[in-house]
Amino acid sequence: MNGSDHPLISVYVVSYNYGRFLAQAIDSVLNQTFTSFELIVIDDGSTDNTREVIERYSKHEKITPIFQYNKGLTVTNNIAVRMARGEFILRLDADDWLDQHALGLMSE
């Protein structure tokens, strides 16, 4: 974290029934060489294993898990942006992943 204990970058992932991809997305953020980030992971009312995947990571210090009834992507994006503490915000789709140097390169 930076001097004010706030991350430079807030990354958020919204999952609606993308549990089969979600661990790869989360791991790709947690494995960054750049470390001043937080990760907000939102289960938008999934009916698959999304909740179970998020719960495996819920005690990680950089992760804020959110479980909600389905509100749709637009409303959920707004929730994530309001919760974000970083100076910069990045949405990562639940079926995507980041190269381990992505946040470092984007923050230069």
C-alpha atoms as a PDB file:
ATOM      1  CA  MET A   1       0.000   0.000   0.000  1.00  0.00           C
ATOM      2  CA  ASN A   2       1.083   3.565  -0.415  1.00  0.00           C
ATOM      3  CA  GLY A   3       1.762   5.983   2.422  1.00  0.00           C
ATOM      4  CA  SER A   4      -1.907   6.611   3.238  1.00  0.00           C
ATOM      5  CA  ASP A   5      -2.735   2.891   3.413  1.00  0.00           C
ATOM      6  CA  HIS A   6      -4.881   3.242   0.331  1.00  0.00           C
ATOM      7  CA  PRO A   7      -4.081   1.179  -2.734  1.00  0.00           C
ATOM      8  CA  LEU A   8      -3.067   2.979  -5.888  1.00  0.00           C
ATOM      9  CA  ILE A   9      -5.264   0.691  -7.999  1.00  0.00           C
ATOM     10  CA  SER A  10      -8.647  -0.837  -7.262  1.00  0.00           C
ATOM     11  CA  VAL A  11      -9.388  -3.847  -9.429  1.00  0.00           C
ATOM     12  CA  TYR A  12     -12.888  -5.214  -9.432  1.00  0.00           C
ATOM     13  CA  VAL A  13     -14.366  -8.376 -10.880  1.00  0.00           C
ATOM     14  CA  VAL A  14     -18.091  -8.983 -11.310  1.00  0.00           C
ATOM     15  CA  SER A  15     -19.226 -12.553 -11.758  1.00  0.00           C
ATOM     16  CA  TYR A  16     -22.647 -13.723 -12.794  1.00  0.00           C
ATOM     17  CA  ASN A  17     -22.358 -17.473 -13.353  1.00  0.00           C
ATOM     18  CA  TYR A  18     -18.686 -17.317 -14.364  1.00  0.00           C
ATOM     19  CA  GLY A  19     -17.424 -19.475 -11.519  1.00  0.00           C
ATOM     20  CA  ARG A  20     -15.560 -21.766 -13.898  1.00  0.00           C
ATOM     21  CA  PHE A  21     -13.283 -18.875 -14.920  1.00  0.00           C
ATOM     22  CA  LEU A  22     -13.210 -16.820 -11.746  1.00  0.00           C
ATOM     23  CA  ALA A  23     -10.260 -18.417  -9.923  1.00  0.00           C
ATOM     24  CA  GLN A  24      -7.976 -17.688 -12.879  1.00  0.00           C
ATOM     25  CA  ALA A  25      -9.080 -14.029 -12.900  1.00  0.00           C
ATOM     26  CA  ILE A  26      -8.568 -13.669  -9.132  1.00  0.00           C
ATOM     27  CA  ASP A  27      -5.205 -15.435  -9.167  1.00  0.00           C
ATOM     28  CA  SER A  28      -3.999 -13.254 -12.022  1.00  0.00           C
ATOM     29  CA  VAL A  29      -4.576 -10.174  -9.869  1.00  0.00           C
ATOM     30  CA  LEU A  30      -3.122 -11.659  -6.685  1.00  0.00           C
ATOM     31  CA  ASN A  31       0.034 -12.702  -8.577  1.00  0.00           C
ATOM     32  CA  GLN A  32       0.892  -9.185  -9.737  1.00  0.00           C
ATOM     33  CA  THR A  33       4.449  -7.930  -9.307  1.00  0.00           C
ATOM     34  CA  PHE A  34       2.931  -4.525  -8.458  1.00  0.00           C
ATOM     35  CA  THR A  35       1.451  -4.693  -4.961  1.00  0.00           C
ATOM     36  CA  SER A  36      -0.423  -1.446  -4.297  1.00  0.00           C
ATOM     37  CA  PHE A  37      -3.850  -2.758  -5.242  1.00  0.00           C
ATOM     38  CA  GLU A  38      -7.079  -3.985  -3.753  1.00  0.00           C
ATOM     39  CA  LEU A  39      -9.374  -6.532  -5.354  1.00  0.00           C
ATOM     40  CA  ILE A  40     -13.148  -6.277  -5.055  1.00  0.00           C
ATOM     41  CA  VAL A  41     -14.912  -9.459  -6.179  1.00  0.00           C
ATOM     42  CA  ILE A  42     -18.679  -9.324  -6.589  1.00  0.00           C
ATOM     43  CA  ASP A  43     -21.017 -12.276  -6.981  1.00  0.00           C
ATOM     44  CA  ASP A  44     -24.018 -10.733  -8.715  1.00  0.00           C
ATOM     45  CA  GLY A  45     -26.528 -13.390  -7.691  1.00  0.00           C
ATOM     46  CA  SER A  46     -24.928 -16.346  -9.466  1.00  0.00           C
ATOM     47  CA  THR A  47     -26.555 -19.775  -9.457  1.00  0.00           C
ATOM     48  CA  ASP A  48     -23.326 -21.663 -10.228  1.00  0.00           C
ATOM     49  CA  ASN A  49     -20.246 -22.128  -7.991  1.00  0.00           C
ATOM     50  CA  THR A  50     -19.214 -18.451  -8.042  1.00  0.00           C
ATOM     51  CA  ARG A  51     -19.906 -17.988  -4.332  1.00  0.00           C
ATOM     52  CA  GLU A  52     -17.781 -21.014  -3.397  1.00  0.00           C
ATOM     53  CA  VAL A  53     -14.881 -19.764  -5.518  1.00  0.00           C
ATOM     54  CA  ILE A  54     -15.004 -16.311  -3.906  1.00  0.00           C
ATOM     55  CA  GLU A  55     -15.262 -17.787  -0.410  1.00  0.00           C
ATOM     56  CA  ARG A  56     -11.959 -19.630  -0.953  1.00  0.00           C
ATOM     57  CA  TYR A  57     -10.279 -16.219  -1.237  1.00  0.00           C
ATOM     58  CA  SER A  58     -12.424 -14.239   1.198  1.00  0.00           C
ATOM     59  CA  LYS A  59      -9.824 -14.104   3.982  1.00  0.00           C
ATOM     60  CA  HIS A  60      -7.087 -12.700   1.724  1.00  0.00           C
ATOM     61  CA  GLU A  61      -6.095  -9.244   2.965  1.00  0.00           C
ATOM     62  CA  LYS A  62      -6.336  -7.627  -0.462  1.00  0.00           C
ATOM     63  CA  ILE A  63      -9.783  -9.015  -1.317  1.00  0.00           C
ATOM     64  CA  THR A  64     -13.163  -7.548  -0.502  1.00  0.00           C
ATOM     65  CA  PRO A  65     -15.872 -10.084  -1.348  1.00  0.00           C
ATOM     66  CA  ILE A  66     -19.441  -8.952  -2.015  1.00  0.00           C
ATOM     67  CA  PHE A  67     -22.417 -11.265  -2.359  1.00  0.00           C
ATOM     68  CA  GLN A  68     -25.652  -9.769  -3.622  1.00  0.00           C
ATOM     69  CA  TYR A  69     -28.876 -10.586  -5.390  1.00  0.00           C
ATOM     70  CA  ASN A  70     -28.639 -10.040  -9.135  1.00  0.00           C
ATOM     71  CA  LYS A  71     -28.607  -6.321  -9.889  1.00  0.00           C
ATOM     72  CA  GLY A  72     -27.078  -6.389 -13.352  1.00  0.00           C
ATOM     73  CA  LEU A  73     -23.732  -5.147 -14.579  1.00  0.00           C
ATOM     74  CA  THR A  74     -24.481  -1.418 -14.659  1.00  0.00           C
ATOM     75  CA  VAL A  75     -25.685  -1.209 -11.053  1.00  0.00           C
ATOM     76  CA  THR A  76     -22.929  -3.554  -9.889  1.00  0.00           C
ATOM     77  CA  ASN A  77     -20.253  -1.486 -11.639  1.00  0.00           C
ATOM     78  CA  ASN A  78     -21.502   1.542  -9.713  1.00  0.00           C
ATOM     79  CA  ILE A  79     -21.361  -0.387  -6.430  1.00  0.00           C
ATOM     80  CA  ALA A  80     -17.754  -1.388  -7.124  1.00  0.00           C
ATOM     81  CA  VAL A  81     -16.711   2.147  -8.058  1.00  0.00           C
ATOM     82  CA  ARG A  82     -18.259   3.527  -4.851  1.00  0.00           C
ATOM     83  CA  MET A  83     -16.397   0.926  -2.774  1.00  0.00           C
ATOM     84  CA  ALA A  84     -13.047   1.421  -4.521  1.00  0.00           C
ATOM     85  CA  ARG A  85     -10.354   3.122  -2.446  1.00  0.00           C
ATOM     86  CA  GLY A  86      -7.720   3.356  -5.168  1.00  0.00           C
ATOM     87  CA  GLU A  87      -6.734   6.363  -7.193  1.00  0.00           C
ATOM     88  CA  PHE A  88      -7.267   4.305 -10.345  1.00  0.00           C
ATOM     89  CA  ILE A  89      -9.968   1.730 -11.049  1.00  0.00           C
ATOM     90  CA  LEU A  90      -9.780  -1.271 -13.366  1.00  0.00           C
ATOM     91  CA  ARG A  91     -12.624  -3.623 -14.184  1.00  0.00           C
ATOM     92  CA  LEU A  92     -11.501  -7.142 -15.001  1.00  0.00           C
ATOM     93  CA  ASP A  93     -14.118  -9.403 -16.529  1.00  0.00           C
ATOM     94  CA  ALA A  94     -14.553 -12.684 -14.657  1.00  0.00           C
ATOM     95  CA  ASP A  95     -13.471 -14.680 -17.704  1.00  0.00           C
ATOM     96  CA  ASP A  96     -10.305 -12.629 -18.311  1.00  0.00           C
ATOM     97  CA  TRP A  97      -6.923 -12.492 -16.600  1.00  0.00           C
ATOM     98  CA  LEU A  98      -3.965 -10.144 -16.244  1.00  0.00           C
ATOM     99  CA  ASP A  99      -0.333 -10.736 -17.086  1.00  0.00           C
ATOM    100  CA  GLN A 100       1.670 -10.617 -13.839  1.00  0.00           C
ATOM    101  CA  HIS A 101       3.190  -7.252 -14.835  1.00  0.00           C
ATOM    102  CA  ALA A 102      -0.034  -5.609 -16.047  1.00  0.00           C
ATOM    103  CA  LEU A 103      -0.748  -3.362 -13.048  1.00  0.00           C
ATOM    104  CA  GLY A 104       2.863  -2.250 -12.838  1.00  0.00           C
ATOM    105  CA  LEU A 105       2.951  -1.314 -16.503  1.00  0.00           C
ATOM    106  CA  MET A 106      -0.396   0.481 -16.330  1.00  0.00           C
ATOM    107  CA  SER A 107       0.642   2.479 -13.267  1.00  0.00           C
ATOM    108  CA  GLU A 108       3.852   3.889 -14.783  1.00  0.00           C
END
